[in-house]
Structure formats: C-alpha cells, structure tokens
Amino acid sequence: MEATSTHIRNCMLFLFNLGKNTAEANQLICQASGKNAVSIYIIKKWFKKFGDDFDLNGRPQKTKDVALQELLDEDATQSTRVLTKRLQVNQSTIQRRLRAMDKVLKIGH
C-alpha cells in the first residue's frame, strides 16, 4: 500500500505529539513507508505548522512559554501583535498559548 500525503501528514502529527524531532520523524516515516516517502524539509514545514515552536533543527523551544509569561507579567495588556513581534512567532501561536494559559481575550475593555 502506497502512503498518501494525508497518511504521511497523520504520521508526522503523531510523531510531533510524541515529541520526536524532525530527523527521528523522517527516519521512522521512511522506514515504514519507503526511502523517499518524505523529506526532512517537508517534516520541518509541518512541525512548524503543528506547533510553531521549533527551531531550524526541529527541536522544541519550550522557553517561549516562559518568555510569554514574563512578558505578560511585565504588562498584561500587551496585544497579541506586540507579543508576536517580541517573541518572533506567529500570531496564531500566541493566541493558542494564551488559551492554554487560560488567558481570555476581552474585546472593548
């Protein structure tokens, strides 16, 4: 059975959730689906989409959550746009992290 791009993407998400880095994910997917099933570049691209907190080598950057909390401790009224620029991540990542920290967006206050 030939793996489709959807199957490969599901494998990447599974390995991402297991905490594998891009090299490990590439090795496991290619071992299961064939030598050229997916490139490391594609895995890095998808890992970035899944969590947007990986460095160029595919290693998790857990310090970003600490940095976000420190910025919020400084000034809890900062916009997600400002936090995005200061932490150099996507705005959706900031929003997702704020939701995970039980921070609620209050519009008009």
PDB file of N, CA and C in Angstrom:
ATOM      1  N   MET A   1       0.839  -1.181   0.000  1.00  0.00           N
ATOM      2  CA  MET A   1       0.000   0.000   0.000  1.00  0.00           C
ATOM      3  C   MET A   1       0.885   1.246   0.000  1.00  0.00           C
ATOM      4  N   GLU A   2       0.630   2.119  -0.929  1.00  0.00           N
ATOM      5  CA  GLU A   2       1.400   3.360  -1.021  1.00  0.00           C
ATOM      6  C   GLU A   2       0.811   4.396  -0.068  1.00  0.00           C
ATOM      7  N   ALA A   3       1.687   5.051   0.672  1.00  0.00           N
ATOM      8  CA  ALA A   3       1.242   6.067   1.624  1.00  0.00           C
ATOM      9  C   ALA A   3       0.872   7.340   0.870  1.00  0.00           C
ATOM     10  N   THR A   4      -0.281   7.893   1.197  1.00  0.00           N
ATOM     11  CA  THR A   4      -0.698   9.158   0.591  1.00  0.00           C
ATOM     12  C   THR A   4      -0.169  10.305   1.434  1.00  0.00           C
ATOM     13  N   SER A   5      -0.283  11.510   0.907  1.00  0.00           N
ATOM     14  CA  SER A   5       0.199  12.669   1.660  1.00  0.00           C
ATOM     15  C   SER A   5      -0.578  12.838   2.960  1.00  0.00           C
ATOM     16  N   THR A   6      -1.845  12.456   2.956  1.00  0.00           N
ATOM     17  CA  THR A   6      -2.652  12.536   4.187  1.00  0.00           C
ATOM     18  C   THR A   6      -2.126  11.555   5.230  1.00  0.00           C
ATOM     19  N   HIS A   7      -1.787  10.347   4.799  1.00  0.00           N
ATOM     20  CA  HIS A   7      -1.226   9.357   5.733  1.00  0.00           C
ATOM     21  C   HIS A   7       0.096   9.853   6.311  1.00  0.00           C
ATOM     22  N   ILE A   8       0.946  10.398   5.445  1.00  0.00           N
ATOM     23  CA  ILE A   8       2.244  10.910   5.891  1.00  0.00           C
ATOM     24  C   ILE A   8       2.042  12.045   6.891  1.00  0.00           C
ATOM     25  N   ARG A   9       1.101  12.945   6.590  1.00  0.00           N
ATOM     26  CA  ARG A   9       0.829  14.073   7.482  1.00  0.00           C
ATOM     27  C   ARG A   9       0.329  13.572   8.842  1.00  0.00           C
ATOM     28  N   ASN A  10      -0.524  12.562   8.830  1.00  0.00           N
ATOM     29  CA  ASN A  10      -1.004  11.986  10.095  1.00  0.00           C
ATOM     30  C   ASN A  10       0.147  11.370  10.880  1.00  0.00           C
ATOM     31  N   CYS A  11       1.058  10.717  10.177  1.00  0.00           N
ATOM     32  CA  CYS A  11       2.244  10.160  10.845  1.00  0.00           C
ATOM     33  C   CYS A  11       3.092  11.268  11.449  1.00  0.00           C
ATOM     34  N   MET A  12       3.263  12.359  10.685  1.00  0.00           N
ATOM     35  CA  MET A  12       4.053  13.482  11.196  1.00  0.00           C
ATOM     36  C   MET A  12       3.414  14.062  12.450  1.00  0.00           C
ATOM     37  N   LEU A  13       2.095  14.231  12.443  1.00  0.00           N
ATOM     38  CA  LEU A  13       1.403  14.766  13.618  1.00  0.00           C
ATOM     39  C   LEU A  13       1.563  13.834  14.812  1.00  0.00           C
ATOM     40  N   PHE A  14       1.433  12.542  14.576  1.00  0.00           N
ATOM     41  CA  PHE A  14       1.605  11.552  15.642  1.00  0.00           C
ATOM     42  C   PHE A  14       3.012  11.647  16.242  1.00  0.00           C
ATOM     43  N   LEU A  15       4.022  11.695  15.386  1.00  0.00           N
ATOM     44  CA  LEU A  15       5.404  11.773  15.860  1.00  0.00           C
ATOM     45  C   LEU A  15       5.690  13.112  16.527  1.00  0.00           C
ATOM     46  N   PHE A  16       5.103  14.183  16.014  1.00  0.00           N
ATOM     47  CA  PHE A  16       5.212  15.501  16.643  1.00  0.00           C
ATOM     48  C   PHE A  16       4.663  15.448  18.066  1.00  0.00           C
ATOM     49  N   ASN A  17       3.490  14.843  18.221  1.00  0.00           N
ATOM     50  CA  ASN A  17       2.867  14.739  19.544  1.00  0.00           C
ATOM     51  C   ASN A  17       3.656  13.839  20.488  1.00  0.00           C
ATOM     52  N   LEU A  18       4.412  12.908  19.941  1.00  0.00           N
ATOM     53  CA  LEU A  18       5.283  12.057  20.765  1.00  0.00           C
ATOM     54  C   LEU A  18       6.565  12.767  21.180  1.00  0.00           C
ATOM     55  N   GLY A  19       6.803  13.950  20.596  1.00  0.00           N
ATOM     56  CA  GLY A  19       7.990  14.708  20.943  1.00  0.00           C
ATOM     57  C   GLY A  19       9.217  14.360  20.117  1.00  0.00           C
ATOM     58  N   LYS A  20       9.022  13.671  19.000  1.00  0.00           N
ATOM     59  CA  LYS A  20      10.150  13.329  18.133  1.00  0.00           C
ATOM     60  C   LYS A  20      10.639  14.583  17.424  1.00  0.00           C
ATOM     61  N   ASN A  21      11.933  14.640  17.121  1.00  0.00           N
ATOM     62  CA  ASN A  21      12.432  15.754  16.323  1.00  0.00           C
ATOM     63  C   ASN A  21      12.286  15.395  14.848  1.00  0.00           C
ATOM     64  N   THR A  22      12.627  16.328  13.969  1.00  0.00           N
ATOM     65  CA  THR A  22      12.399  16.105  12.542  1.00  0.00           C
ATOM     66  C   THR A  22      13.233  14.960  11.981  1.00  0.00           C
ATOM     67  N   ALA A  23      14.459  14.821  12.441  1.00  0.00           N
ATOM     68  CA  ALA A  23      15.310  13.733  11.940  1.00  0.00           C
ATOM     69  C   ALA A  23      14.748  12.370  12.344  1.00  0.00           C
ATOM     70  N   GLU A  24      14.305  12.261  13.591  1.00  0.00           N
ATOM     71  CA  GLU A  24      13.708  10.995  14.050  1.00  0.00           C
ATOM     72  C   GLU A  24      12.432  10.691  13.283  1.00  0.00           C
ATOM     73  N   ALA A  25      11.611  11.714  13.078  1.00  0.00           N
ATOM     74  CA  ALA A  25      10.360  11.526  12.342  1.00  0.00           C
ATOM     75  C   ALA A  25      10.653  11.074  10.915  1.00  0.00           C
ATOM     76  N   ASN A  26      11.631  11.697  10.276  1.00  0.00           N
ATOM     77  CA  ASN A  26      11.989  11.319   8.908  1.00  0.00           C
ATOM     78  C   ASN A  26      12.435   9.868   8.846  1.00  0.00           C
ATOM     79  N   GLN A  27      13.276   9.476   9.780  1.00  0.00           N
ATOM     80  CA  GLN A  27      13.781   8.107   9.798  1.00  0.00           C
ATOM     81  C   GLN A  27      12.636   7.101   9.972  1.00  0.00           C
ATOM     82  N   LEU A  28      11.733   7.367  10.910  1.00  0.00           N
ATOM     83  CA  LEU A  28      10.641   6.434  11.172  1.00  0.00           C
ATOM     84  C   LEU A  28       9.650   6.355  10.013  1.00  0.00           C
ATOM     85  N   ILE A  29       9.304   7.511   9.440  1.00  0.00           N
ATOM     86  CA  ILE A  29       8.354   7.510   8.330  1.00  0.00           C
ATOM     87  C   ILE A  29       8.949   6.815   7.109  1.00  0.00           C
ATOM     88  N   CYS A  30      10.205   7.103   6.791  1.00  0.00           N
ATOM     89  CA  CYS A  30      10.852   6.470   5.644  1.00  0.00           C
ATOM     90  C   CYS A  30      11.072   4.978   5.869  1.00  0.00           C
ATOM     91  N   GLN A  31      11.301   4.587   7.100  1.00  0.00           N
ATOM     92  CA  GLN A  31      11.444   3.169   7.422  1.00  0.00           C
ATOM     93  C   GLN A  31      10.123   2.436   7.177  1.00  0.00           C
ATOM     94  N   ALA A  32       9.020   3.078   7.516  1.00  0.00           N
ATOM     95  CA  ALA A  32       7.715   2.445   7.377  1.00  0.00           C
ATOM     96  C   ALA A  32       7.128   2.582   5.971  1.00  0.00           C
ATOM     97  N   SER A  33       7.416   3.697   5.295  1.00  0.00           N
ATOM     98  CA  SER A  33       6.726   3.988   4.032  1.00  0.00           C
ATOM     99  C   SER A  33       7.621   4.004   2.797  1.00  0.00           C
ATOM    100  N   GLY A  34       8.894   3.808   2.964  1.00  0.00           N
ATOM    101  CA  GLY A  34       9.797   3.824   1.816  1.00  0.00           C
ATOM    102  C   GLY A  34      10.835   4.910   1.936  1.00  0.00           C
ATOM    103  N   LYS A  35      11.968   4.669   1.301  1.00  0.00           N
ATOM    104  CA  LYS A  35      13.139   5.526   1.461  1.00  0.00           C
ATOM    105  C   LYS A  35      12.861   7.004   1.186  1.00  0.00           C
ATOM    106  N   ASN A  36      12.112   7.312   0.169  1.00  0.00           N
ATOM    107  CA  ASN A  36      11.867   8.699  -0.214  1.00  0.00           C
ATOM    108  C   ASN A  36      10.427   9.128   0.066  1.00  0.00           C
ATOM    109  N   ALA A  37       9.843   8.608   1.114  1.00  0.00           N
ATOM    110  CA  ALA A  37       8.439   8.912   1.416  1.00  0.00           C
ATOM    111  C   ALA A  37       8.224  10.387   1.724  1.00  0.00           C
ATOM    112  N   VAL A  38       9.179  11.004   2.425  1.00  0.00           N
ATOM    113  CA  VAL A  38       9.049  12.418   2.792  1.00  0.00           C
ATOM    114  C   VAL A  38      10.439  12.974   3.088  1.00  0.00           C
ATOM    115  N   SER A  39      10.606  14.250   2.803  1.00  0.00           N
ATOM    116  CA  SER A  39      11.905  14.885   3.074  1.00  0.00           C
ATOM    117  C   SER A  39      11.884  15.553   4.446  1.00  0.00           C
ATOM    118  N   ILE A  40      13.066  15.784   4.974  1.00  0.00           N
ATOM    119  CA  ILE A  40      13.178  16.489   6.256  1.00  0.00           C
ATOM    120  C   ILE A  40      12.604  17.894   6.129  1.00  0.00           C
ATOM    121  N   TYR A  41      12.802  18.527   4.963  1.00  0.00           N
ATOM    122  CA  TYR A  41      12.260  19.869   4.732  1.00  0.00           C
ATOM    123  C   TYR A  41      10.740  19.885   4.927  1.00  0.00           C
ATOM    124  N   ILE A  42      10.054  18.908   4.367  1.00  0.00           N
ATOM    125  CA  ILE A  42       8.587  18.835   4.494  1.00  0.00           C
ATOM    126  C   ILE A  42       8.196  18.597   5.948  1.00  0.00           C
ATOM    127  N   ILE A  43       8.919  17.738   6.630  1.00  0.00           N
ATOM    128  CA  ILE A  43       8.614  17.474   8.042  1.00  0.00           C
ATOM    129  C   ILE A  43       8.815  18.741   8.867  1.00  0.00           C
ATOM    130  N   LYS A  44       9.902  19.481   8.612  1.00  0.00           N
ATOM    131  CA  LYS A  44      10.129  20.737   9.330  1.00  0.00           C
ATOM    132  C   LYS A  44       8.983  21.706   9.083  1.00  0.00           C
ATOM    133  N   LYS A  45       8.546  21.780   7.842  1.00  0.00           N
ATOM    134  CA  LYS A  45       7.434  22.671   7.482  1.00  0.00           C
ATOM    135  C   LYS A  45       6.173  22.310   8.267  1.00  0.00           C
ATOM    136  N   TRP A  46       5.862  21.012   8.323  1.00  0.00           N
ATOM    137  CA  TRP A  46       4.649  20.592   9.025  1.00  0.00           C
ATOM    138  C   TRP A  46       4.802  20.692  10.533  1.00  0.00           C
ATOM    139  N   PHE A  47       5.957  20.377  11.073  1.00  0.00           N
ATOM    140  CA  PHE A  47       6.179  20.542  12.510  1.00  0.00           C
ATOM    141  C   PHE A  47       5.985  21.997  12.899  1.00  0.00           C
ATOM    142  N   LYS A  48       6.430  22.894  12.042  1.00  0.00           N
ATOM    143  CA  LYS A  48       6.248  24.323  12.304  1.00  0.00           C
ATOM    144  C   LYS A  48       4.764  24.658  12.325  1.00  0.00           C
ATOM    145  N   LYS A  49       4.009  24.101  11.393  1.00  0.00           N
ATOM    146  CA  LYS A  49       2.563  24.350  11.369  1.00  0.00           C
ATOM    147  C   LYS A  49       1.876  23.743  12.590  1.00  0.00           C
ATOM    148  N   PHE A  50       2.312  22.568  13.008  1.00  0.00           N
ATOM    149  CA  PHE A  50       1.684  21.904  14.148  1.00  0.00           C
ATOM    150  C   PHE A  50       1.879  22.683  15.439  1.00  0.00           C
ATOM    151  N   GLY A  51       3.042  23.207  15.654  1.00  0.00           N
ATOM    152  CA  GLY A  51       3.296  23.840  16.933  1.00  0.00           C
ATOM    153  C   GLY A  51       3.922  25.201  16.871  1.00  0.00           C
ATOM    154  N   ASP A  52       4.508  25.485  15.763  1.00  0.00           N
ATOM    155  CA  ASP A  52       5.204  26.747  15.550  1.00  0.00           C
ATOM    156  C   ASP A  52       6.124  27.115  16.698  1.00  0.00           C
ATOM    157  N   ASP A  53       6.693  26.121  17.329  1.00  0.00           N
ATOM    158  CA  ASP A  53       7.706  26.418  18.325  1.00  0.00           C
ATOM    159  C   ASP A  53       8.867  25.440  18.222  1.00  0.00           C
ATOM    160  N   PHE A  54       9.386  25.343  16.995  1.00  0.00           N
ATOM    161  CA  PHE A  54      10.551  24.522  16.731  1.00  0.00           C
ATOM    162  C   PHE A  54      11.633  25.384  16.119  1.00  0.00           C
ATOM    163  N   ASP A  55      12.869  25.131  16.474  1.00  0.00           N
ATOM    164  CA  ASP A  55      13.954  25.858  15.834  1.00  0.00           C
ATOM    165  C   ASP A  55      14.261  25.222  14.479  1.00  0.00           C
ATOM    166  N   LEU A  56      15.267  25.707  13.801  1.00  0.00           N
ATOM    167  CA  LEU A  56      15.569  25.224  12.463  1.00  0.00           C
ATOM    168  C   LEU A  56      16.002  23.770  12.429  1.00  0.00           C
ATOM    169  N   ASN A  57      16.425  23.220  13.553  1.00  0.00           N
ATOM    170  CA  ASN A  57      16.817  21.813  13.611  1.00  0.00           C
ATOM    171  C   ASN A  57      15.676  20.903  14.044  1.00  0.00           C
ATOM    172  N   GLY A  58      14.487  21.467  14.240  1.00  0.00           N
ATOM    173  CA  GLY A  58      13.343  20.663  14.606  1.00  0.00           C
ATOM    174  C   GLY A  58      13.243  20.359  16.080  1.00  0.00           C
ATOM    175  N   ARG A  59      14.004  21.082  16.913  1.00  0.00           N
ATOM    176  CA  ARG A  59      13.951  20.848  18.353  1.00  0.00           C
ATOM    177  C   ARG A  59      12.926  21.783  18.987  1.00  0.00           C
ATOM    178  N   PRO A  60      12.148  21.284  19.944  1.00  0.00           N
ATOM    179  CA  PRO A  60      11.153  22.139  20.598  1.00  0.00           C
ATOM    180  C   PRO A  60      11.800  23.311  21.331  1.00  0.00           C
ATOM    181  N   GLN A  61      11.122  24.448  21.301  1.00  0.00           N
ATOM    182  CA  GLN A  61      11.579  25.626  22.023  1.00  0.00           C
ATOM    183  C   GLN A  61      10.604  25.895  23.168  1.00  0.00           C
ATOM    184  N   LYS A  62      10.769  25.200  24.254  1.00  0.00           N
ATOM    185  CA  LYS A  62       9.856  25.322  25.386  1.00  0.00           C
ATOM    186  C   LYS A  62      10.045  26.623  26.151  1.00  0.00           C
ATOM    187  N   THR A  63      11.161  27.276  25.932  1.00  0.00           N
ATOM    188  CA  THR A  63      11.423  28.520  26.646  1.00  0.00           C
ATOM    189  C   THR A  63      10.498  29.643  26.200  1.00  0.00           C
ATOM    190  N   LYS A  64       9.853  29.500  25.048  1.00  0.00           N
ATOM    191  CA  LYS A  64       8.951  30.538  24.552  1.00  0.00           C
ATOM    192  C   LYS A  64       7.773  30.736  25.505  1.00  0.00           C
ATOM    193  N   ASP A  65       7.272  29.661  26.125  1.00  0.00           N
ATOM    194  CA  ASP A  65       6.163  29.794  27.067  1.00  0.00           C
ATOM    195  C   ASP A  65       6.591  30.589  28.294  1.00  0.00           C
ATOM    196  N   VAL A  66       7.793  30.342  28.755  1.00  0.00           N
ATOM    197  CA  VAL A  66       8.321  31.088  29.898  1.00  0.00           C
ATOM    198  C   VAL A  66       8.472  32.554  29.516  1.00  0.00           C
ATOM    199  N   ALA A  67       8.997  32.791  28.320  1.00  0.00           N
ATOM    200  CA  ALA A  67       9.181  34.165  27.853  1.00  0.00           C
ATOM    201  C   ALA A  67       7.833  34.868  27.705  1.00  0.00           C
ATOM    202  N   LEU A  68       6.826  34.166  27.223  1.00  0.00           N
ATOM    203  CA  LEU A  68       5.491  34.752  27.091  1.00  0.00           C
ATOM    204  C   LEU A  68       4.957  35.140  28.460  1.00  0.00           C
ATOM    205  N   GLN A  69       5.101  34.265  29.436  1.00  0.00           N
ATOM    206  CA  GLN A  69       4.622  34.573  30.784  1.00  0.00           C
ATOM    207  C   GLN A  69       5.356  35.775  31.364  1.00  0.00           C
ATOM    208  N   GLU A  70       6.658  35.858  31.109  1.00  0.00           N
ATOM    209  CA  GLU A  70       7.429  37.005  31.600  1.00  0.00           C
ATOM    210  C   GLU A  70       6.940  38.306  30.971  1.00  0.00           C
ATOM    211  N   LEU A  71       6.643  38.277  29.674  1.00  0.00           N
ATOM    212  CA  LEU A  71       6.120  39.470  29.005  1.00  0.00           C
ATOM    213  C   LEU A  71       4.753  39.857  29.565  1.00  0.00           C
ATOM    214  N   LEU A  72       3.943  38.866  29.871  1.00  0.00           N
ATOM    215  CA  LEU A  72       2.624  39.144  30.451  1.00  0.00           C
ATOM    216  C   LEU A  72       2.754  39.677  31.871  1.00  0.00           C
ATOM    217  N   ASP A  73       3.749  39.195  32.602  1.00  0.00           N
ATOM    218  CA  ASP A  73       3.987  39.704  33.950  1.00  0.00           C
ATOM    219  C   ASP A  73       4.406  41.173  33.913  1.00  0.00           C
ATOM    220  N   GLU A  74       5.179  41.538  32.877  1.00  0.00           N
ATOM    221  CA  GLU A  74       5.583  42.931  32.694  1.00  0.00           C
ATOM    222  C   GLU A  74       4.379  43.826  32.447  1.00  0.00           C
ATOM    223  N   ASP A  75       3.537  43.388  31.495  1.00  0.00           N
ATOM    224  CA  ASP A  75       2.377  44.182  31.097  1.00  0.00           C
ATOM    225  C   ASP A  75       1.332  43.245  30.510  1.00  0.00           C
ATOM    226  N   ALA A  76       0.297  42.965  31.275  1.00  0.00           N
ATOM    227  CA  ALA A  76      -0.735  42.019  30.855  1.00  0.00           C
ATOM    228  C   ALA A  76      -1.648  42.575  29.769  1.00  0.00           C
ATOM    229  N   THR A  77      -1.517  43.857  29.440  1.00  0.00           N
ATOM    230  CA  THR A  77      -2.395  44.455  28.443  1.00  0.00           C
ATOM    231  C   THR A  77      -1.783  44.486  27.044  1.00  0.00           C
ATOM    232  N   GLN A  78      -0.632  43.863  26.853  1.00  0.00           N
ATOM    233  CA  GLN A  78       0.005  43.850  25.536  1.00  0.00           C
ATOM    234  C   GLN A  78      -0.856  43.091  24.532  1.00  0.00           C
ATOM    235  N   SER A  79      -0.901  43.599  23.318  1.00  0.00           N
ATOM    236  CA  SER A  79      -1.681  42.934  22.271  1.00  0.00           C
ATOM    237  C   SER A  79      -0.940  41.701  21.768  1.00  0.00           C
ATOM    238  N   THR A  80      -1.682  40.810  21.129  1.00  0.00           N
ATOM    239  CA  THR A  80      -1.048  39.624  20.545  1.00  0.00           C
ATOM    240  C   THR A  80      -0.075  40.031  19.452  1.00  0.00           C
ATOM    241  N   ARG A  81      -0.350  41.133  18.769  1.00  0.00           N
ATOM    242  CA  ARG A  81       0.561  41.622  17.722  1.00  0.00           C
ATOM    243  C   ARG A  81       1.910  42.014  18.333  1.00  0.00           C
ATOM    244  N   VAL A  82       1.877  42.711  19.464  1.00  0.00           N
ATOM    245  CA  VAL A  82       3.116  43.105  20.134  1.00  0.00           C
ATOM    246  C   VAL A  82       3.857  41.869  20.645  1.00  0.00           C
ATOM    247  N   LEU A  83       3.131  40.940  21.256  1.00  0.00           N
ATOM    248  CA  LEU A  83       3.752  39.712  21.761  1.00  0.00           C
ATOM    249  C   LEU A  83       4.372  38.903  20.621  1.00  0.00           C
ATOM    250  N   THR A  84       3.683  38.884  19.476  1.00  0.00           N
ATOM    251  CA  THR A  84       4.185  38.181  18.295  1.00  0.00           C
ATOM    252  C   THR A  84       5.528  38.746  17.856  1.00  0.00           C
ATOM    253  N   LYS A  85       5.625  40.057  17.799  1.00  0.00           N
ATOM    254  CA  LYS A  85       6.873  40.689  17.373  1.00  0.00           C
ATOM    255  C   LYS A  85       7.992  40.455  18.386  1.00  0.00           C
ATOM    256  N   ARG A  86       7.661  40.533  19.647  1.00  0.00           N
ATOM    257  CA  ARG A  86       8.696  40.389  20.673  1.00  0.00           C
ATOM    258  C   ARG A  86       9.217  38.957  20.779  1.00  0.00           C
ATOM    259  N   LEU A  87       8.338  37.976  20.564  1.00  0.00           N
ATOM    260  CA  LEU A  87       8.755  36.574  20.662  1.00  0.00           C
ATOM    261  C   LEU A  87       9.120  35.960  19.313  1.00  0.00           C
ATOM    262  N   GLN A  88       8.848  36.682  18.237  1.00  0.00           N
ATOM    263  CA  GLN A  88       9.157  36.230  16.884  1.00  0.00           C
ATOM    264  C   GLN A  88       8.502  34.887  16.546  1.00  0.00           C
ATOM    265  N   VAL A  89       7.195  34.812  16.803  1.00  0.00           N
ATOM    266  CA  VAL A  89       6.393  33.646  16.422  1.00  0.00           C
ATOM    267  C   VAL A  89       5.124  34.146  15.744  1.00  0.00           C
ATOM    268  N   ASN A  90       4.347  33.233  15.170  1.00  0.00           N
ATOM    269  CA  ASN A  90       3.096  33.608  14.526  1.00  0.00           C
ATOM    270  C   ASN A  90       2.062  34.049  15.549  1.00  0.00           C
ATOM    271  N   GLN A  91       1.151  34.907  15.104  1.00  0.00           N
ATOM    272  CA  GLN A  91       0.107  35.396  15.998  1.00  0.00           C
ATOM    273  C   GLN A  91      -0.793  34.248  16.468  1.00  0.00           C
ATOM    274  N   SER A  92      -1.046  33.279  15.598  1.00  0.00           N
ATOM    275  CA  SER A  92      -1.874  32.141  15.994  1.00  0.00           C
ATOM    276  C   SER A  92      -1.221  31.337  17.118  1.00  0.00           C
ATOM    277  N   THR A  93       0.106  31.295  17.127  1.00  0.00           N
ATOM    278  CA  THR A  93       0.827  30.609  18.198  1.00  0.00           C
ATOM    279  C   THR A  93       0.612  31.322  19.523  1.00  0.00           C
ATOM    280  N   ILE A  94       0.708  32.641  19.508  1.00  0.00           N
ATOM    281  CA  ILE A  94       0.462  33.426  20.724  1.00  0.00           C
ATOM    282  C   ILE A  94      -0.966  33.192  21.208  1.00  0.00           C
ATOM    283  N   GLN A  95      -1.908  33.231  20.292  1.00  0.00           N
ATOM    284  CA  GLN A  95      -3.308  33.020  20.678  1.00  0.00           C
ATOM    285  C   GLN A  95      -3.518  31.635  21.279  1.00  0.00           C
ATOM    286  N   ARG A  96      -2.910  30.628  20.666  1.00  0.00           N
ATOM    287  CA  ARG A  96      -3.042  29.255  21.173  1.00  0.00           C
ATOM    288  C   ARG A  96      -2.416  29.123  22.560  1.00  0.00           C
ATOM    289  N   ARG A  97      -1.253  29.722  22.750  1.00  0.00           N
ATOM    290  CA  ARG A  97      -0.582  29.661  24.050  1.00  0.00           C
ATOM    291  C   ARG A  97      -1.366  30.412  25.115  1.00  0.00           C
ATOM    292  N   LEU A  98      -1.940  31.543  24.747  1.00  0.00           N
ATOM    293  CA  LEU A  98      -2.748  32.300  25.711  1.00  0.00           C
ATOM    294  C   LEU A  98      -3.973  31.499  26.132  1.00  0.00           C
ATOM    295  N   ARG A  99      -4.609  30.821  25.176  1.00  0.00           N
ATOM    296  CA  ARG A  99      -5.753  29.966  25.520  1.00  0.00           C
ATOM    297  C   ARG A  99      -5.322  28.840  26.451  1.00  0.00           C
ATOM    298  N   ALA A 100      -4.164  28.249  26.176  1.00  0.00           N
ATOM    299  CA  ALA A 100      -3.658  27.166  27.026  1.00  0.00           C
ATOM    300  C   ALA A 100      -3.344  27.656  28.434  1.00  0.00           C
ATOM    301  N   MET A 101      -2.998  28.949  28.545  1.00  0.00           N
ATOM    302  CA  MET A 101      -2.710  29.548  29.861  1.00  0.00           C
ATOM    303  C   MET A 101      -3.972  30.112  30.511  1.00  0.00           C
ATOM    304  N   ASP A 102      -5.134  29.851  29.915  1.00  0.00           N
ATOM    305  CA  ASP A 102      -6.430  30.343  30.401  1.00  0.00           C
ATOM    306  C   ASP A 102      -6.498  31.873  30.420  1.00  0.00           C
ATOM    307  N   LYS A 103      -5.825  32.491  29.465  1.00  0.00           N
ATOM    308  CA  LYS A 103      -5.920  33.931  29.290  1.00  0.00           C
ATOM    309  C   LYS A 103      -7.015  34.182  28.262  1.00  0.00           C
ATOM    310  N   VAL A 104      -7.974  35.030  28.593  1.00  0.00           N
ATOM    311  CA  VAL A 104      -9.124  35.254  27.733  1.00  0.00           C
ATOM    312  C   VAL A 104      -9.009  36.621  27.082  1.00  0.00           C
ATOM    313  N   LEU A 105      -9.262  36.659  25.780  1.00  0.00           N
ATOM    314  CA  LEU A 105      -9.268  37.914  25.051  1.00  0.00           C
ATOM    315  C   LEU A 105     -10.540  38.678  25.385  1.00  0.00           C
ATOM    316  N   LYS A 106     -10.387  39.915  25.836  1.00  0.00           N
ATOM    317  CA  LYS A 106     -11.529  40.740  26.181  1.00  0.00           C
ATOM    318  C   LYS A 106     -11.558  41.925  25.235  1.00  0.00           C
ATOM    319  N   ILE A 107     -12.511  41.911  24.334  1.00  0.00           N
ATOM    320  CA  ILE A 107     -12.626  42.962  23.333  1.00  0.00           C
ATOM    321  C   ILE A 107     -13.462  44.107  23.886  1.00  0.00           C
ATOM    322  N   GLY A 108     -12.976  45.330  23.696  1.00  0.00           N
ATOM    323  CA  GLY A 108     -13.737  46.504  24.092  1.00  0.00           C
ATOM    324  C   GLY A 108     -13.575  46.912  25.548  1.00  0.00           C
ATOM    325  N   HIS A 109     -12.623  46.318  26.245  1.00  0.00           N
ATOM    326  CA  HIS A 109     -12.400  46.706  27.650  1.00  0.00           C
ATOM    327  C   HIS A 109     -11.157  47.501  27.802  1.00  0.00           C
TER     328      HIS A 109
END
